[in-house]
Every structure is written in structure tokens, then in C-alpha cells.
N, C-alpha and C. Protein backbone atom coordinates (compact mmCIF):
# COMPACT_ATOMS: atom_id res chain seq x y z
N MET A 1 21.97 -64.57 -38.48
CA MET A 1 22.90 -63.81 -37.58
C MET A 1 24.17 -64.12 -37.51
N SER A 2 24.96 -63.07 -37.37
CA SER A 2 26.46 -63.61 -37.41
C SER A 2 26.80 -64.25 -36.02
N SER A 3 27.96 -65.21 -36.10
CA SER A 3 28.33 -65.88 -34.92
C SER A 3 29.84 -65.85 -34.67
N ALA A 4 30.21 -65.93 -33.58
CA ALA A 4 31.74 -65.84 -33.07
C ALA A 4 31.89 -67.03 -32.39
N VAL A 5 33.02 -67.36 -32.85
CA VAL A 5 33.79 -68.54 -31.78
C VAL A 5 34.96 -68.09 -31.57
N ILE A 6 35.20 -68.29 -29.75
CA ILE A 6 36.36 -67.88 -29.34
C ILE A 6 37.21 -69.66 -29.04
N VAL A 7 38.29 -69.52 -29.62
CA VAL A 7 39.25 -70.37 -29.45
C VAL A 7 40.08 -70.21 -28.38
N SER A 8 39.88 -70.94 -27.48
CA SER A 8 41.19 -70.86 -26.20
C SER A 8 42.11 -71.84 -26.13
N SER A 9 43.28 -71.44 -26.12
CA SER A 9 44.24 -72.39 -25.83
C SER A 9 44.81 -72.17 -24.62
N SER A 10 43.94 -72.13 -23.64
CA SER A 10 44.41 -71.97 -22.28
C SER A 10 44.54 -73.56 -21.82
N PRO A 11 45.85 -73.69 -21.02
CA PRO A 11 46.42 -75.00 -20.69
C PRO A 11 45.28 -75.65 -19.57
N ALA A 12 44.88 -74.98 -18.91
CA ALA A 12 44.12 -75.57 -17.63
C ALA A 12 43.00 -74.24 -17.29
N ALA A 13 42.09 -75.32 -16.39
CA ALA A 13 41.00 -74.58 -15.81
C ALA A 13 41.52 -73.45 -14.87
N GLY A 14 41.01 -72.36 -14.69
CA GLY A 14 41.50 -71.33 -13.59
C GLY A 14 42.91 -70.58 -14.00
N SER A 15 43.31 -70.79 -15.31
CA SER A 15 44.39 -70.06 -15.84
C SER A 15 44.07 -68.40 -16.17
N ARG A 16 45.00 -67.78 -16.36
CA ARG A 16 44.94 -66.37 -16.79
C ARG A 16 44.17 -66.35 -18.30
N LEU A 17 44.67 -67.33 -19.23
CA LEU A 17 43.88 -67.31 -20.38
C LEU A 17 42.45 -67.80 -20.24
N GLU A 18 42.16 -68.57 -19.42
CA GLU A 18 40.53 -68.80 -19.34
C GLU A 18 39.96 -67.67 -18.49
N ALA A 19 40.58 -66.97 -17.93
CA ALA A 19 39.78 -65.69 -17.10
C ALA A 19 39.65 -64.66 -18.42
N VAL A 20 40.58 -64.53 -19.55
CA VAL A 20 40.29 -63.62 -20.69
C VAL A 20 39.22 -64.10 -21.32
N THR A 21 39.34 -65.57 -21.63
CA THR A 21 38.37 -66.13 -22.41
C THR A 21 36.94 -65.97 -22.10
N GLY A 22 36.83 -66.12 -20.81
CA GLY A 22 35.46 -66.00 -19.97
C GLY A 22 35.02 -64.36 -19.87
N THR A 23 35.99 -63.50 -19.87
CA THR A 23 35.45 -62.46 -19.89
C THR A 23 35.16 -61.85 -21.25
N LEU A 24 35.78 -62.36 -22.26
CA LEU A 24 35.61 -61.93 -23.72
C LEU A 24 34.30 -62.69 -23.79
N HIS A 25 33.83 -64.02 -23.56
CA HIS A 25 32.76 -64.63 -23.91
C HIS A 25 31.47 -63.66 -23.28
N ARG A 26 31.68 -63.18 -22.20
CA ARG A 26 30.58 -62.81 -21.63
C ARG A 26 30.13 -61.30 -22.06
N CYS A 27 31.33 -60.57 -22.28
CA CYS A 27 31.00 -59.44 -23.09
C CYS A 27 30.67 -59.26 -24.22
N LEU A 28 30.84 -60.49 -24.78
CA LEU A 28 30.13 -60.43 -26.49
C LEU A 28 28.87 -60.90 -26.22
N LEU A 29 28.45 -61.84 -25.37
CA LEU A 29 26.79 -62.26 -24.95
C LEU A 29 26.30 -60.91 -24.59
N THR A 30 26.76 -60.39 -23.55
CA THR A 30 25.92 -59.04 -23.10
C THR A 30 25.98 -58.19 -24.02
N SER A 31 26.64 -58.04 -24.93
CA SER A 31 26.41 -57.06 -26.31
C SER A 31 25.48 -57.63 -27.06
N GLY A 32 25.00 -58.80 -26.95
CA GLY A 32 23.98 -59.35 -27.93
C GLY A 32 24.33 -60.05 -29.09
N HIS A 33 25.75 -60.54 -28.90
CA HIS A 33 26.30 -61.40 -30.05
C HIS A 33 26.44 -62.99 -29.61
N PRO A 34 25.81 -63.66 -30.30
CA PRO A 34 26.19 -65.10 -29.84
C PRO A 34 27.39 -65.43 -30.06
N ALA A 35 28.20 -66.14 -29.08
CA ALA A 35 29.23 -66.66 -29.20
C ALA A 35 29.66 -67.93 -28.58
N GLU A 36 30.50 -68.57 -29.00
CA GLU A 36 30.64 -70.18 -28.41
C GLU A 36 32.31 -70.12 -28.11
N VAL A 37 32.28 -70.97 -27.05
CA VAL A 37 33.78 -71.01 -26.82
C VAL A 37 34.44 -72.45 -27.13
N LEU A 38 35.35 -72.48 -27.75
CA LEU A 38 36.25 -73.91 -28.10
C LEU A 38 37.65 -73.82 -27.18
N ASN A 39 37.28 -74.59 -26.36
CA ASN A 39 38.65 -74.84 -25.57
C ASN A 39 39.60 -76.08 -26.26
N LEU A 40 40.69 -75.80 -26.73
CA LEU A 40 41.43 -76.74 -27.21
C LEU A 40 42.03 -77.59 -26.40
N ARG A 41 42.02 -77.25 -25.02
CA ARG A 41 42.56 -78.41 -24.02
C ARG A 41 41.56 -79.32 -23.96
N ASP A 42 40.48 -79.17 -24.59
CA ASP A 42 39.27 -80.19 -24.15
C ASP A 42 39.30 -81.36 -25.27
N LEU A 43 40.01 -81.20 -26.48
CA LEU A 43 40.30 -81.91 -27.67
C LEU A 43 41.12 -83.05 -27.10
N PRO A 44 41.04 -84.36 -27.53
CA PRO A 44 41.78 -85.32 -27.20
C PRO A 44 43.18 -85.09 -27.61
N GLN A 45 44.06 -85.26 -26.86
CA GLN A 45 45.59 -85.19 -27.20
C GLN A 45 45.84 -86.26 -28.37
N SER A 46 45.41 -87.41 -28.20
CA SER A 46 45.65 -88.28 -29.18
C SER A 46 45.42 -88.15 -30.55
N ALA A 47 44.09 -87.55 -30.64
CA ALA A 47 43.61 -87.06 -31.95
C ALA A 47 44.18 -85.97 -32.49
N LEU A 48 44.66 -84.99 -31.58
CA LEU A 48 45.67 -83.89 -32.23
C LEU A 48 46.71 -84.35 -32.50
N LEU A 49 47.62 -85.28 -31.96
CA LEU A 49 49.01 -85.74 -32.20
C LEU A 49 48.93 -86.77 -33.45
N THR A 50 47.89 -87.25 -33.54
CA THR A 50 47.74 -88.59 -34.81
C THR A 50 47.33 -87.74 -35.79
N ALA A 51 46.71 -86.59 -35.87
CA ALA A 51 46.08 -85.71 -36.97
C ALA A 51 44.81 -86.63 -37.19
N SER A 52 44.07 -87.07 -36.21
CA SER A 52 42.95 -87.82 -36.66
C SER A 52 41.85 -86.87 -36.76
N CYS A 53 41.72 -86.40 -38.18
CA CYS A 53 40.52 -85.56 -38.46
C CYS A 53 39.09 -86.13 -38.49
N ASP A 54 38.90 -87.47 -38.48
CA ASP A 54 37.72 -88.00 -38.21
C ASP A 54 37.12 -88.25 -36.96
N HIS A 55 37.96 -87.73 -35.94
CA HIS A 55 37.65 -88.04 -34.37
C HIS A 55 36.50 -87.10 -34.39
N PRO A 56 35.25 -87.37 -33.64
CA PRO A 56 34.20 -86.49 -33.42
C PRO A 56 34.25 -85.19 -32.87
N ALA A 57 35.08 -85.01 -31.89
CA ALA A 57 35.55 -83.53 -31.44
C ALA A 57 36.24 -82.83 -32.21
N ILE A 58 37.36 -83.25 -33.08
CA ILE A 58 38.30 -82.46 -34.12
C ILE A 58 36.98 -82.04 -35.21
N ARG A 59 36.18 -83.14 -35.66
CA ARG A 59 35.13 -82.85 -36.83
C ARG A 59 34.34 -81.47 -36.06
N ARG A 60 33.90 -81.74 -35.10
CA ARG A 60 33.21 -80.43 -34.48
C ARG A 60 33.90 -79.09 -34.49
N SER A 61 35.06 -79.10 -34.11
CA SER A 61 35.83 -77.78 -34.28
C SER A 61 36.13 -77.24 -35.47
N ARG A 62 36.32 -78.11 -36.19
CA ARG A 62 36.35 -77.75 -37.92
C ARG A 62 35.09 -77.18 -38.38
N ARG A 63 34.14 -77.81 -37.75
CA ARG A 63 32.57 -77.30 -38.34
C ARG A 63 32.09 -75.91 -37.60
N LEU A 64 32.63 -75.79 -36.19
CA LEU A 64 32.45 -74.55 -35.67
C LEU A 64 33.46 -73.22 -36.41
N VAL A 65 34.40 -73.60 -36.98
CA VAL A 65 35.34 -72.77 -37.69
C VAL A 65 34.72 -72.36 -38.97
N SER A 66 34.22 -73.58 -39.63
CA SER A 66 33.68 -73.13 -40.95
C SER A 66 32.41 -72.60 -40.80
N THR A 67 31.64 -72.35 -39.93
CA THR A 67 30.69 -71.37 -40.16
C THR A 67 30.60 -70.27 -39.20
N ALA A 68 31.80 -70.00 -38.66
CA ALA A 68 31.88 -68.59 -37.93
C ALA A 68 32.08 -67.43 -38.73
N ASP A 69 31.65 -66.51 -38.39
CA ASP A 69 31.84 -65.11 -39.02
C ASP A 69 33.16 -64.29 -38.18
N VAL A 70 33.16 -64.70 -37.00
CA VAL A 70 34.43 -64.13 -36.17
C VAL A 70 35.19 -65.10 -35.46
N LEU A 71 36.25 -65.22 -35.48
CA LEU A 71 37.10 -66.26 -35.03
C LEU A 71 38.20 -65.36 -33.93
N ALA A 72 37.92 -65.50 -32.50
CA ALA A 72 38.55 -64.89 -31.78
C ALA A 72 39.53 -65.97 -30.95
N PHE A 73 40.99 -65.69 -30.95
CA PHE A 73 41.91 -66.74 -30.45
C PHE A 73 42.37 -65.96 -29.46
N VAL A 74 42.55 -66.70 -27.93
CA VAL A 74 43.08 -66.35 -27.08
C VAL A 74 44.05 -67.19 -26.72
N VAL A 75 45.62 -66.97 -26.66
CA VAL A 75 46.80 -67.35 -26.79
C VAL A 75 47.44 -66.90 -25.69
N PRO A 76 48.65 -67.79 -25.31
CA PRO A 76 49.49 -67.57 -24.54
C PRO A 76 50.86 -66.87 -25.60
N CYS A 77 51.59 -66.23 -25.03
CA CYS A 77 52.54 -65.52 -25.92
C CYS A 77 53.84 -65.75 -25.18
N TYR A 78 53.97 -66.63 -24.58
CA TYR A 78 55.52 -67.07 -23.74
C TYR A 78 56.37 -67.77 -24.67
N GLN A 79 55.79 -68.65 -25.72
CA GLN A 79 56.84 -69.70 -26.30
C GLN A 79 56.61 -68.82 -27.96
N PRO A 80 58.00 -68.98 -28.30
CA PRO A 80 57.85 -68.18 -29.74
C PRO A 80 57.05 -69.07 -30.73
N GLY A 81 56.06 -68.84 -31.59
CA GLY A 81 55.12 -69.78 -32.50
C GLY A 81 53.85 -69.75 -31.83
N GLY A 82 53.62 -69.37 -30.48
CA GLY A 82 52.45 -69.63 -29.68
C GLY A 82 52.13 -71.06 -29.15
N SER A 83 51.09 -71.30 -28.83
CA SER A 83 50.81 -72.68 -28.07
C SER A 83 51.04 -73.88 -29.08
N PRO A 84 51.74 -74.81 -28.33
CA PRO A 84 51.73 -76.07 -29.26
C PRO A 84 50.66 -76.74 -29.54
N VAL A 85 49.48 -76.37 -28.67
CA VAL A 85 48.14 -77.21 -28.90
C VAL A 85 47.58 -76.12 -30.05
N LEU A 86 47.86 -75.17 -30.08
CA LEU A 86 46.97 -74.43 -31.15
C LEU A 86 47.84 -74.64 -32.59
N ARG A 87 48.92 -74.80 -32.57
CA ARG A 87 49.76 -75.13 -33.86
C ARG A 87 49.23 -76.46 -34.19
N GLU A 88 49.05 -77.48 -33.35
CA GLU A 88 48.64 -78.93 -33.91
C GLU A 88 47.43 -78.77 -34.41
N TRP A 89 46.31 -78.02 -33.64
CA TRP A 89 44.88 -78.04 -33.98
C TRP A 89 44.79 -77.15 -35.29
N LEU A 90 45.57 -76.32 -35.59
CA LEU A 90 45.46 -75.37 -36.98
C LEU A 90 46.17 -76.13 -38.24
N GLY A 91 46.99 -77.09 -37.62
CA GLY A 91 47.72 -78.18 -38.92
C GLY A 91 46.06 -79.06 -39.28
N LEU A 92 45.13 -79.39 -38.59
CA LEU A 92 44.15 -80.35 -38.73
C LEU A 92 43.02 -79.34 -39.52
N LEU A 93 42.94 -78.31 -39.68
CA LEU A 93 42.06 -77.39 -40.33
C LEU A 93 42.26 -77.61 -41.84
N PRO A 94 41.18 -77.52 -42.68
CA PRO A 94 41.26 -77.61 -44.45
C PRO A 94 42.09 -76.11 -44.72
N ASP A 95 42.50 -76.26 -46.15
CA ASP A 95 42.91 -75.16 -46.49
C ASP A 95 41.95 -74.06 -46.57
N HIS A 96 42.00 -72.79 -46.43
CA HIS A 96 41.43 -71.62 -46.38
C HIS A 96 40.27 -71.62 -45.44
N ALA A 97 40.39 -72.37 -44.09
CA ALA A 97 39.58 -72.47 -43.12
C ALA A 97 38.85 -71.39 -42.55
N PHE A 98 39.48 -70.03 -42.75
CA PHE A 98 39.16 -69.03 -42.03
C PHE A 98 38.43 -67.88 -43.30
N SER A 99 38.33 -68.36 -44.31
CA SER A 99 37.95 -67.66 -45.32
C SER A 99 36.68 -66.83 -45.40
N ARG A 100 35.77 -67.05 -44.44
CA ARG A 100 34.64 -66.28 -44.21
C ARG A 100 34.76 -65.68 -42.87
N ALA A 101 35.88 -65.66 -42.33
CA ALA A 101 35.72 -65.11 -40.77
C ALA A 101 36.83 -64.01 -40.74
N THR A 102 36.36 -63.40 -40.00
CA THR A 102 37.49 -62.10 -39.32
C THR A 102 38.06 -62.58 -38.27
N VAL A 103 39.46 -62.58 -38.19
CA VAL A 103 40.16 -63.03 -36.86
C VAL A 103 40.55 -62.04 -36.05
N GLN A 104 40.62 -62.09 -34.72
CA GLN A 104 41.13 -61.56 -33.81
C GLN A 104 41.98 -62.33 -32.66
N LEU A 105 43.33 -61.95 -32.60
CA LEU A 105 44.06 -62.42 -31.51
C LEU A 105 44.32 -61.59 -30.29
N VAL A 106 44.07 -62.49 -29.25
CA VAL A 106 44.35 -61.82 -27.67
C VAL A 106 45.30 -62.70 -27.07
N GLY A 107 46.37 -62.13 -26.89
CA GLY A 107 47.65 -62.75 -26.32
C GLY A 107 47.71 -62.16 -24.87
N VAL A 108 48.30 -63.37 -24.11
CA VAL A 108 48.76 -62.88 -22.72
C VAL A 108 50.22 -62.96 -22.75
N GLY A 109 51.06 -62.30 -22.26
CA GLY A 109 52.50 -62.56 -22.18
C GLY A 109 53.18 -61.64 -20.72
N ALA A 110 54.13 -61.76 -20.53
CA ALA A 110 54.97 -61.16 -19.50
C ALA A 110 55.59 -59.80 -19.93
N VAL A 111 56.14 -59.81 -21.08
CA VAL A 111 57.15 -58.65 -21.55
C VAL A 111 56.31 -58.17 -23.11
N ARG A 112 56.31 -57.04 -23.25
CA ARG A 112 55.94 -56.45 -24.60
C ARG A 112 56.54 -57.27 -25.73
N GLY A 113 57.80 -58.06 -25.79
CA GLY A 113 58.19 -58.60 -26.60
C GLY A 113 57.69 -59.93 -27.08
N HIS A 114 56.59 -60.28 -26.09
CA HIS A 114 55.77 -61.51 -26.48
C HIS A 114 54.80 -61.48 -27.32
N ALA A 115 54.55 -59.72 -27.61
CA ALA A 115 53.38 -59.46 -28.35
C ALA A 115 54.03 -59.79 -30.14
N VAL A 116 55.44 -59.80 -30.26
CA VAL A 116 55.75 -59.96 -31.34
C VAL A 116 55.49 -61.32 -32.10
N GLY A 117 55.30 -62.52 -31.24
CA GLY A 117 54.74 -63.73 -31.64
C GLY A 117 53.06 -63.70 -32.17
N LEU A 118 52.70 -62.60 -31.52
CA LEU A 118 50.98 -62.47 -32.12
C LEU A 118 50.95 -62.03 -33.31
N GLU A 119 51.91 -61.13 -33.76
CA GLU A 119 51.81 -60.96 -35.10
C GLU A 119 52.15 -61.65 -35.97
N HIS A 120 53.11 -62.65 -35.72
CA HIS A 120 53.45 -63.58 -36.52
C HIS A 120 52.44 -64.61 -36.86
N ILE A 121 51.58 -65.13 -35.81
CA ILE A 121 50.42 -65.99 -35.69
C ILE A 121 49.33 -65.56 -36.39
N ARG A 122 49.06 -63.90 -36.33
CA ARG A 122 48.09 -63.27 -37.15
C ARG A 122 48.49 -63.47 -38.71
N THR A 123 49.66 -63.27 -39.03
CA THR A 123 50.10 -63.11 -40.40
C THR A 123 49.94 -64.61 -40.96
N ARG A 124 50.09 -65.78 -40.11
CA ARG A 124 50.23 -66.97 -40.68
C ARG A 124 48.57 -67.34 -40.88
N MET A 125 47.66 -67.03 -39.91
CA MET A 125 46.37 -67.05 -40.06
C MET A 125 45.75 -66.44 -41.33
N LEU A 126 46.27 -65.09 -41.79
CA LEU A 126 45.68 -64.39 -42.76
C LEU A 126 46.36 -65.23 -44.04
N VAL A 127 47.60 -65.61 -44.14
CA VAL A 127 47.84 -66.21 -45.31
C VAL A 127 47.66 -67.73 -45.55
N GLU A 128 47.88 -68.43 -44.55
CA GLU A 128 47.84 -69.77 -44.59
C GLU A 128 46.38 -70.42 -44.44
N GLN A 129 45.82 -69.46 -43.72
CA GLN A 129 44.21 -70.04 -43.43
C GLN A 129 43.27 -69.21 -44.26
N SER A 130 43.87 -68.32 -45.05
CA SER A 130 43.00 -67.16 -45.97
C SER A 130 41.85 -66.55 -45.12
N ALA A 131 42.35 -66.06 -44.18
CA ALA A 131 41.45 -65.24 -43.27
C ALA A 131 40.70 -64.00 -44.28
N ARG A 132 39.43 -63.77 -43.70
CA ARG A 132 38.60 -62.53 -44.35
C ARG A 132 39.56 -61.36 -44.34
N ASP A 133 39.63 -61.35 -43.03
CA ASP A 133 40.39 -59.90 -42.50
C ASP A 133 40.92 -60.32 -41.04
N ALA A 134 41.50 -59.46 -40.44
CA ALA A 134 42.37 -59.56 -39.15
C ALA A 134 42.19 -58.28 -38.66
N LEU A 135 41.67 -58.23 -37.48
CA LEU A 135 41.66 -57.14 -36.49
C LEU A 135 43.06 -56.62 -35.90
N PRO A 136 43.45 -55.84 -35.22
CA PRO A 136 44.87 -55.58 -34.76
C PRO A 136 44.71 -56.71 -33.68
N VAL A 137 46.03 -57.04 -33.11
CA VAL A 137 45.98 -57.56 -31.98
C VAL A 137 46.03 -57.09 -30.72
N CYS A 138 45.51 -57.97 -29.67
CA CYS A 138 45.27 -57.39 -28.32
C CYS A 138 46.11 -57.83 -27.45
N PHE A 139 46.99 -57.19 -26.87
CA PHE A 139 48.08 -57.87 -26.10
C PHE A 139 47.87 -57.57 -24.64
N LEU A 140 47.77 -58.39 -23.88
CA LEU A 140 47.48 -58.15 -22.15
C LEU A 140 48.75 -58.34 -21.52
N TYR A 141 49.14 -57.76 -20.59
CA TYR A 141 50.37 -58.25 -19.64
C TYR A 141 49.61 -59.27 -18.63
N ASP A 142 50.23 -60.33 -18.56
CA ASP A 142 49.70 -61.43 -17.43
C ASP A 142 49.74 -60.75 -16.03
N HIS A 143 50.33 -59.94 -15.41
CA HIS A 143 50.06 -59.48 -14.27
C HIS A 143 48.91 -58.37 -14.19
N TRP A 144 48.05 -58.21 -15.19
CA TRP A 144 47.13 -57.40 -15.12
C TRP A 144 45.98 -58.27 -15.05
N ILE A 145 46.23 -59.92 -14.88
CA ILE A 145 45.01 -60.74 -14.65
C ILE A 145 45.60 -61.63 -13.37
N ASP A 146 44.41 -61.64 -12.67
CA ASP A 146 44.75 -62.45 -11.40
C ASP A 146 44.23 -63.84 -11.48
N GLY A 147 43.69 -64.29 -12.41
CA GLY A 147 43.16 -65.65 -12.81
C GLY A 147 41.84 -66.04 -12.23
N ARG A 148 41.38 -65.10 -11.38
CA ARG A 148 39.90 -65.14 -10.80
C ARG A 148 38.90 -64.37 -11.74
N GLU A 149 39.42 -64.13 -12.99
CA GLU A 149 38.42 -63.48 -13.91
C GLU A 149 38.30 -62.18 -13.47
N GLU A 150 39.57 -61.74 -12.87
CA GLU A 150 39.41 -60.04 -12.51
C GLU A 150 40.64 -59.64 -13.54
N LEU A 151 40.11 -58.58 -14.02
CA LEU A 151 41.25 -57.92 -14.89
C LEU A 151 41.41 -56.41 -14.21
N ALA A 152 42.69 -56.22 -14.45
CA ALA A 152 42.72 -54.71 -14.21
C ALA A 152 42.23 -53.90 -15.04
N SER A 153 42.38 -52.55 -14.72
CA SER A 153 41.45 -51.64 -15.65
C SER A 153 42.48 -51.71 -17.11
N SER A 154 43.68 -51.50 -17.08
CA SER A 154 44.34 -51.59 -18.43
C SER A 154 43.70 -52.79 -19.20
N ALA A 155 43.85 -53.98 -18.87
CA ALA A 155 43.36 -55.22 -19.45
C ALA A 155 42.03 -54.98 -20.00
N ALA A 156 41.04 -54.65 -19.01
CA ALA A 156 39.57 -54.27 -19.40
C ALA A 156 39.48 -53.42 -20.40
N GLU A 157 40.07 -52.41 -20.29
CA GLU A 157 39.90 -51.43 -21.61
C GLU A 157 40.55 -52.10 -23.01
N SER A 158 41.27 -52.65 -22.78
CA SER A 158 42.21 -53.19 -24.01
C SER A 158 41.18 -54.66 -24.61
N LEU A 159 40.66 -55.53 -23.74
CA LEU A 159 39.42 -56.10 -24.26
C LEU A 159 38.32 -55.57 -24.38
N ALA A 160 38.04 -54.41 -23.76
CA ALA A 160 36.74 -53.88 -24.27
C ALA A 160 36.80 -53.06 -25.70
N SER A 161 38.06 -52.80 -25.94
CA SER A 161 38.30 -52.26 -27.37
C SER A 161 38.01 -53.45 -28.41
N SER A 162 38.80 -54.63 -28.35
CA SER A 162 38.58 -55.82 -29.12
C SER A 162 37.15 -56.19 -29.10
N VAL A 163 36.32 -56.14 -27.87
CA VAL A 163 34.78 -56.79 -28.11
C VAL A 163 34.25 -55.74 -29.10
N ARG A 164 34.71 -54.51 -28.78
CA ARG A 164 33.77 -53.48 -29.79
C ARG A 164 34.11 -53.69 -31.33
N ALA A 165 35.25 -53.97 -31.66
CA ALA A 165 35.70 -54.08 -33.10
C ALA A 165 34.97 -55.45 -33.31
N LEU A 166 34.96 -56.65 -32.41
CA LEU A 166 34.40 -57.89 -32.96
C LEU A 166 32.72 -57.31 -33.13
N GLY A 167 32.21 -56.62 -32.21
CA GLY A 167 30.66 -56.15 -32.27
C GLY A 167 30.67 -55.56 -33.64
N ASP A 168 31.59 -54.91 -34.01
CA ASP A 168 31.08 -54.21 -35.30
C ASP A 168 31.29 -54.89 -36.47
N VAL A 169 32.10 -56.14 -36.39
CA VAL A 169 32.09 -57.03 -37.63
C VAL A 169 30.85 -57.99 -37.54
N LEU A 170 30.51 -58.40 -36.05
CA LEU A 170 29.41 -59.07 -36.39
C LEU A 170 28.09 -58.33 -36.52
N ALA A 171 27.73 -57.15 -36.42
CA ALA A 171 26.79 -56.03 -36.66
C ALA A 171 26.51 -56.09 -38.17
N GLN A 172 27.60 -56.40 -38.88
CA GLN A 172 27.61 -56.32 -40.47
C GLN A 172 26.80 -57.48 -40.93
N PRO A 173 25.94 -57.12 -42.09
CA PRO A 173 24.99 -58.14 -42.74
C PRO A 173 26.32 -59.29 -43.23
N THR A 174 25.68 -60.52 -43.17
CA THR A 174 26.28 -61.42 -43.60
C THR A 174 25.94 -61.81 -45.02
N SER A 175 26.79 -62.45 -45.79
CA SER A 175 26.63 -63.02 -47.23
C SER A 175 25.94 -64.40 -47.16
N LEU A 176 24.90 -64.45 -47.90
CA LEU A 176 24.41 -65.47 -48.15
C LEU A 176 25.13 -66.60 -48.93
N ALA A 177 25.96 -66.33 -49.49
CA ALA A 177 26.80 -66.93 -50.53
C ALA A 177 27.56 -68.11 -49.43
N ALA A 178 27.72 -69.38 -49.89
CA ALA A 178 28.43 -70.40 -49.20
C ALA A 178 30.03 -70.13 -49.36
N PRO A 179 30.69 -70.32 -48.26
CA PRO A 179 32.02 -70.22 -48.32
C PRO A 179 32.90 -70.68 -49.32
N ALA A 180 33.80 -70.22 -50.06
CA ALA A 180 34.41 -70.88 -50.92
C ALA A 180 35.15 -72.16 -50.40
């Protein structure tokens, strides 16, 4: 069965990003697709900043990525280049880490211009991590989310579209060949 990993770069419990991550996770599970959430904030900062690939939490995160058919990233779009924690974590992944996965980026920002950063991150994941494919980005305005897992109808519709696209990918038969 195909699997999905939702990588959340939410800085804190109760944040808007966490609300989006929770909604995405519930929607995938409700649609019958197994999904696991990887909260980057739970990784030890010392292991991230010292590039300790042998740390158990880092090894587990790398293992999750290497076996996922779909990787959905929930990221803030307020800073150019995205979340610093996400950038550090991506630097710890092996070359071609996403070669068996389809990537979906879901970003939260204040103005439409913040979505430009999503396209940059998407391109980096396709090129630098050799993602098998990437779905169109999903951008959500932060005022659509109140932080208590309540999404305005616009956000819910956009996220539902992403869940359908992810579900379509997950419904495809997986190859039995080992990843390159």
C-alpha cells in the first residue's frame, strides 16, 4: 500500500501551520490513505545544527522519507527560502532522497507574494532531491486559519483539492522495484 508522510515545519503547537497539518492528516486518513506526520520542530536542534545524521531522530526522519510514496510539506512562506528548520533538515538528507516520491507543498503566508517562495522550494526539491514528481503548490492565506484547526471555506477548498491530488497519487499501484 502506498504511504504518505506529512512534513510539518510548524514552529509551535497551536500554530496555523499545525492546524493545516492536522487537517491534511485527518483528510488523508478519512480518505483511506495511511499518513504519518513528521514534525521538524520535534527533531533535536543540536542534531540539526551539527548535521548529526547518526542521531536516532534524524535517522528515523530519513527512513520515513526514503519509504514514502508521497511527501507533503506544510511550510511557512514568510521568509525567503522558507523555514530555516526545513532548510537544515533538507541538508541532512541523502542525494536523491525524494526519488520515489511525489512532492506536494502547502504553504501559509500573509500576501500572495509569499507564494513565490513556494515555487522556489518546489524547484529545489525537484532538482536537488530528485523528486519523482511535484504537484502544484497549495498556498493558503494565514487569515483563512484561526489556529484552532478551523479553516475558512477558501482554505478548506484549496486543501481539499490537494488531498484529492495526493489521493490520486496514493491510489496508483506502487512499483516493487527498490528506489535508486
